[in-house]
Amino acid sequence: MKICLVNHNERYAVCEIAMAYFPRTKFEDTDILPSDGDYIISELKENDGTYQYITTVSYNGDIRTNTVTSAEYNKTYFKQSFHAIAKELIGGFLPWGVLTGIRPGKIARELIEGGMNVDDVKSRFLDFYLTTENKADLAIEVAENEMRTLRNIDKDAVSLYVGIPFCPTRCLYCSFTSQSIKFTSKFVEPYLEALYKEIEYTAQKLKNTPYHIETVYIGGGTPTSLTDLQLDALIKKLYAEFDFSRIKEFSVEAGRPDTVTVDKLKVLKDNNVTRISINPQTVNDKTLQLIGRNHTAQQFIESYHMAMDCGLTNINTDIIAGLPGESADDFLKTLDCIKKLNPTNVTVHTMSIKRSSFLAQDYDAYSVASASTVNTMLDAAYDCMKDLGKIPYYMYRQKNMLGNLENVGYCDRGFENLYNIYIMEEVQSIIALGAGASTKIVKGDNISRVFNVKDVYEYITRHNEMLKRKDEVFK
């Protein structure tokens, strides 16, 4: 689809809304007004302080034009102009309207903190961002729950992330830097050796600052792909090098039920890990097999009870709405299982078609739910979590999500995961270690990032370079 901008350069804003309505479409810039095929013409006219945002879209031979007029210049009006046409051309309605950013809840929070009352915030979402009432309410609810946590934020604290980029298998939808441990087991020990050097170097640098560590998160990948001895050695290394005397939470992803053992759970409990994730994604075995996970629903349930028996009672479970081949009834079956277990935390994800995933590479071979069906799933999840007394406490979106929808973390009140809030709301620096790790330095409104290489082999062979990159973090 061709894109032509006239009298403005807000290409990013136009492409964001275009990609939301026309997913998996390639866009080609042109300076010449197109007259045939599929195209978007986005034009700005100004006359005596009045702006006209004019969008023309040609799609499958149907041509529509819409104009939004305003006394102010704001790129959101380009999206509004496009939004009305797209609804007519392709049908349906994006529940988040013209909101295309990662953090809808952050917008609500900043409006409230800026002095706007809740009713006016809701009107802003409905009338300016063109969201549905449900989504406006969700954004406000998340913002209010986050604000309770952020009132007590420690300005002299940082969070620590440690990445373990190994998994039993790679899921159909995954684009993370995880490697199948079946084929990369020879790299595990060299990887840990390189990681230990980064741990030592970073810990020494941190000691020369006024900051202390508040939260720790070991993610991946699947950290429990390591053996119990490797996992124990890693955590003990962290304790030996960093000062954890003031941490408030210690989270570890035990995401794959088939990697969970009593010995590993005891390692986590003995090392004072306070929160773990055991992630079924779905409790439909047929789907699990399709998406490349080598465990069953029963293994998930057994792993969950095993963790509870080991004293690890603060458990998160991830589920995904819109998995290939799943109907609304399939998703309700998963919700019913989660409801019976009633974990302290449940994260409800929307299926995202990530570019480098196996799913994206062979998309037409799979049956993927419509955006409206996925939104129905998310509504059912919200109602289920409410029935369990859980609150939505953080929310974010990713590129290429079905229906431009959302991921929401729910929890029992008092069990909010601080790390999730901090990283999503960008209110605290995150020092990240390991392959693919992204360190985020927050200084007021200024945010800088320092990245490690993603490939495991490169991380091992270029570990000295990774150490030097940490110098950028502590400047």
Protein backbone atom coordinates (compact mmCIF):
# COMPACT_ATOMS: atom_id res chain seq x y z
CA MET A 1 0.00 0.00 0.00
CA LYS A 2 1.38 3.39 -1.01
CA ILE A 3 1.55 6.29 1.45
CA CYS A 4 1.74 9.90 0.32
CA LEU A 5 2.13 12.75 2.81
CA VAL A 6 1.16 16.27 1.75
CA ASN A 7 2.33 19.34 3.70
CA HIS A 8 3.45 17.41 6.78
CA ASN A 9 5.97 14.79 7.89
CA GLU A 10 3.99 12.81 10.50
CA ARG A 11 4.64 9.54 8.71
CA TYR A 12 5.10 7.58 11.92
CA ALA A 13 1.67 8.57 13.25
CA VAL A 14 -0.04 7.73 9.96
CA CYS A 15 1.76 4.39 9.66
CA GLU A 16 0.93 3.43 13.26
CA ILE A 17 -2.80 3.69 12.71
CA ALA A 18 -2.53 2.21 9.21
CA MET A 19 -0.69 -0.86 10.51
CA ALA A 20 -3.33 -1.30 13.21
CA TYR A 21 -6.07 -1.53 10.58
CA PHE A 22 -4.03 -3.20 7.85
CA PRO A 23 -1.77 -5.68 9.68
CA ARG A 24 0.86 -7.56 7.72
CA THR A 25 0.70 -4.90 4.98
CA LYS A 26 3.86 -3.40 3.50
CA PHE A 27 3.80 0.36 3.06
CA GLU A 28 5.68 2.20 0.32
CA ASP A 29 6.40 5.94 0.48
CA THR A 30 5.71 8.05 -2.57
CA ASP A 31 5.95 11.77 -3.33
CA ILE A 32 3.59 11.46 -6.29
CA LEU A 33 -0.14 11.44 -5.58
CA PRO A 34 -1.26 7.88 -6.34
CA SER A 35 -4.32 7.34 -8.49
CA ASP A 36 -4.70 3.58 -8.64
CA GLY A 37 -4.30 0.54 -6.44
CA ASP A 38 -4.37 0.63 -2.64
CA TYR A 39 -3.06 3.86 -1.17
CA ILE A 40 -3.25 6.40 1.65
CA ILE A 41 -3.01 10.17 1.10
CA SER A 42 -2.61 12.16 4.30
CA GLU A 43 -2.80 15.93 3.84
CA LEU A 44 -2.57 18.95 6.14
CA LYS A 45 -4.10 22.32 5.27
CA GLU A 46 -3.81 25.45 7.39
CA ASN A 47 -5.88 28.59 7.02
CA ASP A 48 -6.08 31.45 9.54
CA GLY A 49 -5.10 29.28 12.49
CA THR A 50 -7.42 26.42 11.56
CA TYR A 51 -5.99 23.04 10.64
CA GLN A 52 -7.61 20.51 8.34
CA TYR A 53 -6.41 16.91 8.57
CA ILE A 54 -7.52 15.22 5.36
CA THR A 55 -7.17 11.50 4.73
CA THR A 56 -8.00 9.66 1.53
CA VAL A 57 -7.80 5.88 1.45
CA SER A 58 -8.21 3.60 -1.55
CA TYR A 59 -8.72 -0.04 -0.67
CA ASN A 60 -9.94 -2.82 -2.96
CA GLY A 61 -11.30 -0.25 -5.41
CA ASP A 62 -13.25 1.71 -2.79
CA ILE A 63 -12.11 5.29 -2.20
CA ARG A 64 -13.06 7.31 0.90
CA THR A 65 -12.07 10.76 2.13
CA ASN A 66 -12.47 12.24 5.60
CA THR A 67 -11.53 15.59 7.15
CA VAL A 68 -10.99 16.51 10.79
CA THR A 69 -10.82 20.24 11.60
CA SER A 70 -9.19 21.69 14.70
CA ALA A 71 -7.76 24.94 16.00
CA GLU A 72 -4.71 23.08 17.32
CA TYR A 73 -1.96 21.06 15.68
CA ASN A 74 -1.77 17.52 17.04
CA LYS A 75 -0.68 14.41 15.19
CA THR A 76 -3.55 12.49 16.79
CA TYR A 77 -5.94 14.27 14.38
CA PHE A 78 -4.24 12.53 11.47
CA LYS A 79 -5.14 9.26 13.17
CA GLN A 80 -8.70 10.39 13.83
CA SER A 81 -9.15 11.27 10.18
CA PHE A 82 -7.84 7.87 9.10
CA HIS A 83 -9.80 6.00 11.78
CA ALA A 84 -13.27 6.96 10.49
CA ILE A 85 -12.44 5.83 6.96
CA ALA A 86 -10.84 2.55 7.96
CA LYS A 87 -13.92 1.58 9.98
CA GLU A 88 -16.05 2.00 6.86
CA LEU A 89 -13.63 0.32 4.45
CA ILE A 90 -12.77 -2.84 6.33
CA GLY A 91 -15.49 -2.99 8.96
CA GLY A 92 -14.99 -3.60 12.63
CA PHE A 93 -13.71 -1.17 15.20
CA LEU A 94 -10.47 -0.99 17.12
CA PRO A 95 -11.46 -0.84 20.82
CA TRP A 96 -8.46 1.36 21.59
CA GLY A 97 -9.47 3.79 18.86
CA VAL A 98 -6.49 5.83 17.67
CA LEU A 99 -4.30 4.96 20.66
CA THR A 100 -1.34 3.10 19.19
CA GLY A 101 1.28 3.43 21.92
CA ILE A 102 2.61 0.78 24.26
CA ARG A 103 1.24 2.18 27.54
CA PRO A 104 -2.39 3.40 27.53
CA GLY A 105 -2.42 3.30 31.33
CA LYS A 106 0.50 5.72 31.47
CA ILE A 107 -1.53 8.30 29.57
CA ALA A 108 -4.37 8.00 32.08
CA ARG A 109 -1.96 8.18 35.03
CA GLU A 110 -0.21 11.29 33.75
CA LEU A 111 -3.54 13.02 33.11
CA ILE A 112 -4.73 12.24 36.65
CA GLU A 113 -1.41 13.29 38.18
CA GLY A 114 -1.64 16.48 36.14
CA GLY A 115 -4.84 17.40 37.96
CA MET A 116 -7.55 16.12 35.62
CA ASN A 117 -10.48 14.42 37.36
CA VAL A 118 -11.41 10.86 36.43
CA ASP A 119 -14.55 11.85 34.51
CA ASP A 120 -12.55 14.23 32.33
CA VAL A 121 -9.88 11.58 31.78
CA LYS A 122 -12.55 9.19 30.60
CA SER A 123 -13.97 11.82 28.27
CA ARG A 124 -10.46 12.36 26.88
CA PHE A 125 -10.19 8.67 26.05
CA LEU A 126 -13.67 8.51 24.51
CA ASP A 127 -13.73 11.78 22.56
CA PHE A 128 -10.08 12.38 21.63
CA TYR A 129 -8.62 8.89 21.45
CA LEU A 130 -11.96 7.36 20.33
CA THR A 131 -11.70 4.30 22.60
CA THR A 132 -14.60 2.19 23.77
CA GLU A 133 -15.93 2.80 27.26
CA ASN A 134 -14.54 -0.55 28.47
CA LYS A 135 -11.01 0.33 27.40
CA ALA A 136 -11.22 3.83 28.88
CA ASP A 137 -12.34 2.33 32.20
CA LEU A 138 -9.55 -0.26 32.06
CA ALA A 139 -6.86 2.37 31.43
CA ILE A 140 -8.10 4.46 34.36
CA GLU A 141 -8.35 1.45 36.67
CA VAL A 142 -4.80 0.36 35.84
CA ALA A 143 -3.55 3.92 36.34
CA GLU A 144 -5.19 4.25 39.76
CA ASN A 145 -3.78 0.90 40.91
CA GLU A 146 -0.31 1.82 39.67
CA MET A 147 -0.43 5.17 41.41
CA ARG A 148 -0.94 3.52 44.79
CA THR A 149 2.31 1.63 44.25
CA LEU A 150 4.26 4.52 42.75
CA ARG A 151 3.50 6.84 45.67
CA ASN A 152 6.05 4.83 47.65
CA ILE A 153 8.71 4.53 44.96
CA ASP A 154 12.29 4.69 46.22
CA LYS A 155 14.16 7.27 44.14
CA ASP A 156 17.52 5.86 45.21
CA ALA A 157 16.72 2.35 43.98
CA VAL A 158 17.24 0.39 40.77
CA SER A 159 15.98 -2.97 39.56
CA LEU A 160 18.15 -5.84 38.34
CA TYR A 161 17.26 -8.09 35.40
CA VAL A 162 19.19 -11.26 34.57
CA GLY A 163 18.46 -13.02 31.27
CA ILE A 164 18.73 -16.78 30.70
CA PRO A 165 18.15 -17.22 26.95
CA PHE A 166 17.45 -20.96 26.92
CA CYS A 167 14.15 -22.83 26.55
CA PRO A 168 13.19 -26.50 26.09
CA THR A 169 11.80 -25.56 22.66
CA ARG A 170 10.98 -22.39 20.79
CA CYS A 171 7.27 -21.59 20.75
CA LEU A 172 5.50 -20.97 17.46
CA TYR A 173 4.83 -17.31 18.31
CA CYS A 174 8.13 -16.49 20.04
CA SER A 175 10.67 -13.95 18.81
CA PHE A 176 12.72 -13.68 22.00
CA THR A 177 16.42 -14.39 22.06
CA SER A 178 15.80 -17.80 23.60
CA GLN A 179 17.60 -20.84 22.21
CA SER A 180 16.40 -24.45 22.33
CA ILE A 181 18.55 -26.00 25.03
CA LYS A 182 18.38 -29.32 23.19
CA PHE A 183 20.64 -27.86 20.48
CA THR A 184 22.60 -25.32 22.51
CA SER A 185 23.37 -27.19 25.73
CA LYS A 186 27.12 -26.92 25.01
CA PHE A 187 26.81 -23.15 25.34
CA VAL A 188 25.14 -23.11 28.75
CA GLU A 189 28.27 -23.31 30.90
CA PRO A 190 30.28 -20.85 28.74
CA TYR A 191 27.27 -18.54 28.82
CA LEU A 192 27.09 -18.68 32.60
CA GLU A 193 30.82 -17.99 32.85
CA ALA A 194 30.44 -14.87 30.70
CA LEU A 195 27.36 -13.85 32.66
CA TYR A 196 29.26 -14.20 35.95
CA LYS A 197 31.89 -11.79 34.63
CA GLU A 198 29.19 -9.28 33.74
CA ILE A 199 27.66 -9.76 37.19
CA GLU A 200 31.02 -9.09 38.89
CA TYR A 201 31.80 -6.06 36.75
CA THR A 202 28.34 -4.53 37.14
CA ALA A 203 28.22 -5.13 40.89
CA GLN A 204 31.53 -3.36 41.36
CA LYS A 205 30.31 -0.40 39.32
CA LEU A 206 27.06 -0.21 41.30
CA LYS A 207 28.95 -0.08 44.59
CA ASN A 208 30.40 3.25 43.52
CA THR A 209 26.94 4.82 43.17
CA PRO A 210 24.36 5.92 45.76
CA TYR A 211 21.86 3.42 44.39
CA HIS A 212 20.66 0.14 45.86
CA ILE A 213 18.74 -2.77 44.32
CA GLU A 214 15.01 -2.91 45.06
CA THR A 215 13.77 -5.73 42.81
CA VAL A 216 15.42 -8.69 41.07
CA TYR A 217 13.96 -10.49 38.06
CA ILE A 218 15.51 -13.56 36.43
CA GLY A 219 13.81 -14.07 33.09
CA GLY A 220 14.48 -15.38 29.64
CA GLY A 221 13.90 -17.69 27.95
CA THR A 222 13.21 -20.10 30.74
CA PRO A 223 15.67 -19.86 33.65
CA THR A 224 14.51 -23.24 34.94
CA SER A 225 15.97 -24.77 31.76
CA LEU A 226 19.16 -24.72 33.82
CA THR A 227 19.84 -27.63 36.14
CA ASP A 228 19.12 -27.18 39.83
CA LEU A 229 22.88 -26.90 40.49
CA GLN A 230 23.36 -24.27 37.78
CA LEU A 231 20.34 -22.32 39.02
CA ASP A 232 21.56 -22.45 42.60
CA ALA A 233 25.06 -21.32 41.59
CA LEU A 234 23.66 -18.41 39.57
CA ILE A 235 21.48 -17.08 42.38
CA LYS A 236 24.25 -17.50 44.95
CA LYS A 237 26.56 -15.59 42.63
CA LEU A 238 24.08 -12.71 42.58
CA TYR A 239 23.90 -12.71 46.37
CA ALA A 240 27.70 -12.82 46.62
CA GLU A 241 28.31 -9.86 44.32
CA PHE A 242 25.33 -7.55 44.89
CA ASP A 243 23.92 -6.10 48.08
CA PHE A 244 20.40 -7.54 48.35
CA SER A 245 19.80 -6.34 51.88
CA ARG A 246 17.11 -3.90 50.75
CA ILE A 247 15.32 -5.82 48.01
CA LYS A 248 11.54 -5.99 48.21
CA GLU A 249 10.94 -8.81 45.73
CA PHE A 250 12.85 -11.52 43.89
CA SER A 251 11.11 -13.01 40.84
CA VAL A 252 12.12 -15.99 38.71
CA GLU A 253 10.46 -17.25 35.54
CA ALA A 254 9.78 -20.97 35.79
CA GLY A 255 7.70 -20.51 32.69
CA ARG A 256 7.69 -24.01 31.23
CA PRO A 257 5.98 -26.60 33.44
CA ASP A 258 8.17 -29.32 31.91
CA THR A 259 11.27 -27.65 33.40
CA VAL A 260 9.89 -27.51 36.93
CA THR A 261 11.22 -30.03 39.47
CA VAL A 262 11.09 -30.26 43.23
CA ASP A 263 14.88 -29.76 43.42
CA LYS A 264 14.69 -26.52 41.40
CA LEU A 265 11.76 -25.25 43.43
CA LYS A 266 13.70 -25.93 46.63
CA VAL A 267 16.63 -23.95 45.20
CA LEU A 268 14.32 -21.00 44.62
CA LYS A 269 12.72 -21.26 48.05
CA ASP A 270 16.05 -21.68 49.86
CA ASN A 271 17.43 -18.61 48.07
CA ASN A 272 14.50 -16.44 49.19
CA VAL A 273 12.85 -16.07 45.80
CA THR A 274 9.50 -14.43 46.52
CA ARG A 275 7.62 -14.80 43.22
CA ILE A 276 7.68 -17.27 40.33
CA SER A 277 5.84 -17.68 37.05
CA ILE A 278 4.55 -21.01 35.78
CA ASN A 279 2.93 -20.38 32.44
CA PRO A 280 0.44 -22.71 30.77
CA GLN A 281 -0.56 -20.23 27.98
CA THR A 282 -3.54 -22.56 27.46
CA VAL A 283 -4.88 -25.75 29.05
CA ASN A 284 -5.86 -27.25 25.70
CA ASP A 285 -3.36 -29.99 24.90
CA LYS A 286 -4.01 -29.83 21.17
CA THR A 287 -3.02 -26.16 21.15
CA LEU A 288 0.03 -26.79 23.30
CA GLN A 289 1.25 -29.34 20.78
CA LEU A 290 0.54 -26.97 17.88
CA ILE A 291 2.49 -24.06 19.39
CA GLY A 292 5.50 -26.22 20.22
CA ARG A 293 5.28 -26.58 23.99
CA ASN A 294 6.27 -30.05 25.20
CA HIS A 295 4.05 -30.13 28.26
CA THR A 296 0.42 -30.93 28.91
CA ALA A 297 -2.23 -29.07 30.85
CA GLN A 298 -1.96 -31.70 33.58
CA GLN A 299 1.78 -31.05 33.90
CA PHE A 300 1.04 -27.39 34.43
CA ILE A 301 -1.43 -28.16 37.21
CA GLU A 302 0.99 -30.60 38.84
CA SER A 303 3.85 -28.06 38.66
CA TYR A 304 1.64 -25.40 40.20
CA HIS A 305 0.74 -27.60 43.17
CA MET A 306 4.37 -28.72 43.47
CA ALA A 307 5.44 -25.09 43.87
CA MET A 308 2.72 -24.41 46.42
CA ASP A 309 3.83 -27.48 48.41
CA CYS A 310 7.42 -26.13 48.37
CA GLY A 311 6.23 -22.89 49.94
CA LEU A 312 6.37 -20.78 46.77
CA THR A 313 2.86 -19.43 47.08
CA ASN A 314 3.17 -16.17 45.14
CA ILE A 315 2.73 -17.57 41.64
CA ASN A 316 1.99 -15.87 38.33
CA THR A 317 0.40 -17.74 35.43
CA ASP A 318 0.50 -16.42 31.86
CA ILE A 319 -2.33 -17.18 29.45
CA ILE A 320 -2.79 -16.03 25.84
CA ALA A 321 -5.98 -14.92 24.13
CA GLY A 322 -6.08 -15.66 20.40
CA LEU A 323 -3.73 -18.62 20.13
CA PRO A 324 -3.83 -20.30 16.69
CA GLY A 325 -6.80 -22.62 16.34
CA GLU A 326 -8.45 -21.60 19.60
CA SER A 327 -12.07 -20.53 19.91
CA ALA A 328 -13.67 -18.43 22.62
CA ASP A 329 -14.81 -21.68 24.28
CA ASP A 330 -11.21 -22.96 24.33
CA PHE A 331 -10.13 -19.78 26.08
CA LEU A 332 -12.99 -20.07 28.58
CA LYS A 333 -11.73 -23.56 29.41
CA THR A 334 -8.33 -22.07 30.28
CA LEU A 335 -9.98 -19.36 32.38
CA ASP A 336 -11.96 -22.00 34.25
CA CYS A 337 -8.73 -23.85 35.13
CA ILE A 338 -7.07 -20.63 36.31
CA LYS A 339 -10.14 -19.77 38.35
CA LYS A 340 -9.97 -23.10 40.20
CA LEU A 341 -6.27 -22.62 41.01
CA ASN A 342 -6.71 -18.92 41.85
CA PRO A 343 -3.02 -17.91 41.74
CA THR A 344 -2.00 -14.58 43.25
CA ASN A 345 -1.08 -13.24 39.78
CA VAL A 346 -2.50 -13.84 36.30
CA THR A 347 -1.15 -12.17 33.19
CA VAL A 348 -3.51 -12.20 30.22
CA HIS A 349 -1.71 -11.69 26.92
CA THR A 350 -3.10 -10.97 23.47
CA MET A 351 -1.63 -12.99 20.63
CA SER A 352 1.07 -10.99 18.85
CA ILE A 353 2.26 -11.94 15.36
CA LYS A 354 5.96 -11.20 15.84
CA ARG A 355 7.92 -10.78 12.65
CA SER A 356 10.72 -13.23 13.40
CA SER A 357 8.44 -15.93 14.82
CA PHE A 358 7.68 -19.22 13.09
CA LEU A 359 4.02 -18.17 13.07
CA ALA A 360 4.71 -15.00 11.07
CA GLN A 361 6.84 -16.91 8.59
CA ASP A 362 3.99 -19.32 7.79
CA TYR A 363 0.99 -17.29 8.91
CA ASP A 364 -1.47 -18.57 6.29
CA ALA A 365 -1.02 -22.15 7.50
CA TYR A 366 -2.72 -21.36 10.81
CA SER A 367 -6.21 -20.36 11.86
CA VAL A 368 -5.93 -17.18 13.92
CA ALA A 369 -8.93 -15.71 15.74
CA SER A 370 -10.49 -12.44 14.60
CA ALA A 371 -9.83 -9.27 16.55
CA SER A 372 -13.44 -9.15 17.76
CA THR A 373 -13.21 -12.73 19.06
CA VAL A 374 -9.98 -11.94 20.91
CA ASN A 375 -11.56 -8.84 22.43
CA THR A 376 -14.42 -11.05 23.67
CA MET A 377 -11.83 -13.32 25.26
CA LEU A 378 -10.19 -10.37 27.01
CA ASP A 379 -13.56 -9.17 28.31
CA ALA A 380 -14.22 -12.65 29.69
CA ALA A 381 -10.79 -12.64 31.37
CA TYR A 382 -11.51 -9.26 32.97
CA ASP A 383 -14.83 -10.54 34.34
CA CYS A 384 -13.18 -13.72 35.61
CA MET A 385 -10.43 -11.79 37.39
CA LYS A 386 -13.02 -9.49 38.96
CA ASP A 387 -14.91 -12.53 40.23
CA LEU A 388 -11.67 -13.65 41.89
CA GLY A 389 -11.21 -10.24 43.51
CA LYS A 390 -8.13 -9.42 41.43
CA ILE A 391 -7.18 -5.96 40.19
CA PRO A 392 -5.56 -4.96 36.87
CA TYR A 393 -2.30 -3.39 37.99
CA TYR A 394 -0.20 -3.06 34.85
CA MET A 395 -0.84 -3.07 31.15
CA TYR A 396 1.14 -2.81 27.94
CA ARG A 397 0.83 -3.44 24.23
CA GLN A 398 3.19 -4.79 21.59
CA LYS A 399 3.48 -4.35 17.87
CA ASN A 400 1.40 -6.61 15.64
CA MET A 401 -1.05 -7.61 18.37
CA LEU A 402 -4.41 -8.90 17.15
CA GLY A 403 -6.89 -6.03 17.12
CA ASN A 404 -4.28 -3.64 18.52
CA LEU A 405 -5.38 -5.00 21.90
CA GLU A 406 -3.56 -5.34 25.23
CA ASN A 407 -1.71 -7.44 27.80
CA VAL A 408 -2.91 -7.01 31.37
CA GLY A 409 -1.43 -8.17 34.67
CA TYR A 410 -3.99 -8.98 37.37
CA CYS A 411 -3.23 -9.76 40.99
CA ASP A 412 -4.64 -10.04 44.46
CA ARG A 413 -4.31 -6.65 46.10
CA GLY A 414 -0.94 -6.41 47.83
CA PHE A 415 0.72 -8.84 45.37
CA GLU A 416 1.55 -6.30 42.67
CA ASN A 417 4.86 -7.10 40.98
CA LEU A 418 6.94 -3.96 41.41
CA TYR A 419 9.35 -4.87 38.60
CA ASN A 420 6.51 -5.08 36.07
CA ILE A 421 5.18 -1.67 37.04
CA TYR A 422 8.61 -0.04 37.05
CA ILE A 423 9.67 -1.33 33.65
CA MET A 424 6.34 -0.63 31.96
CA GLU A 425 5.89 2.85 33.40
CA GLU A 426 9.57 3.75 32.97
CA VAL A 427 9.87 5.24 36.45
CA GLN A 428 12.96 3.37 37.64
CA SER A 429 16.27 2.37 36.06
CA ILE A 430 16.60 -1.30 35.14
CA ILE A 431 20.13 -2.72 35.01
CA ALA A 432 20.01 -5.73 32.71
CA LEU A 433 22.53 -8.54 32.35
CA GLY A 434 22.86 -11.36 29.84
CA ALA A 435 22.29 -11.94 26.12
CA GLY A 436 19.63 -9.68 24.66
CA ALA A 437 19.39 -7.69 27.89
CA SER A 438 18.34 -4.05 27.60
CA THR A 439 19.42 -1.71 30.37
CA LYS A 440 17.15 1.30 30.82
CA ILE A 441 18.46 4.37 32.64
CA VAL A 442 15.76 6.75 33.87
CA LYS A 443 16.77 10.27 34.84
CA GLY A 444 13.61 12.32 35.21
CA ASP A 445 12.02 12.55 31.77
CA ASN A 446 15.21 11.40 30.06
CA ILE A 447 15.52 7.69 29.30
CA SER A 448 18.58 6.08 27.74
CA ARG A 449 19.16 2.45 26.83
CA VAL A 450 22.20 0.23 26.60
CA PHE A 451 21.81 -3.09 24.78
CA ASN A 452 23.68 -6.37 24.98
CA VAL A 453 24.03 -8.50 21.86
CA LYS A 454 21.19 -10.98 21.39
CA ASP A 455 22.99 -14.04 20.09
CA VAL A 456 24.28 -16.41 22.78
CA TYR A 457 27.50 -17.26 20.96
CA GLU A 458 28.23 -13.58 20.33
CA TYR A 459 27.55 -12.75 23.96
CA ILE A 460 30.07 -15.40 25.01
CA THR A 461 32.77 -14.39 22.53
CA ARG A 462 32.23 -10.63 22.94
CA HIS A 463 31.76 -10.53 26.71
CA ASN A 464 34.55 -7.97 27.16
CA GLU A 465 32.60 -5.64 24.89
CA MET A 466 29.49 -6.21 27.02
CA LEU A 467 31.48 -5.14 30.08
CA LYS A 468 32.57 -1.94 28.36
CA ARG A 469 28.97 -1.21 27.47
CA LYS A 470 28.23 -1.20 31.20
CA ASP A 471 30.57 1.77 31.47
CA GLU A 472 27.93 3.70 29.50
CA VAL A 473 25.34 2.76 32.10
CA PHE A 474 27.31 4.17 35.02
CA LYS A 475 28.53 7.42 33.43
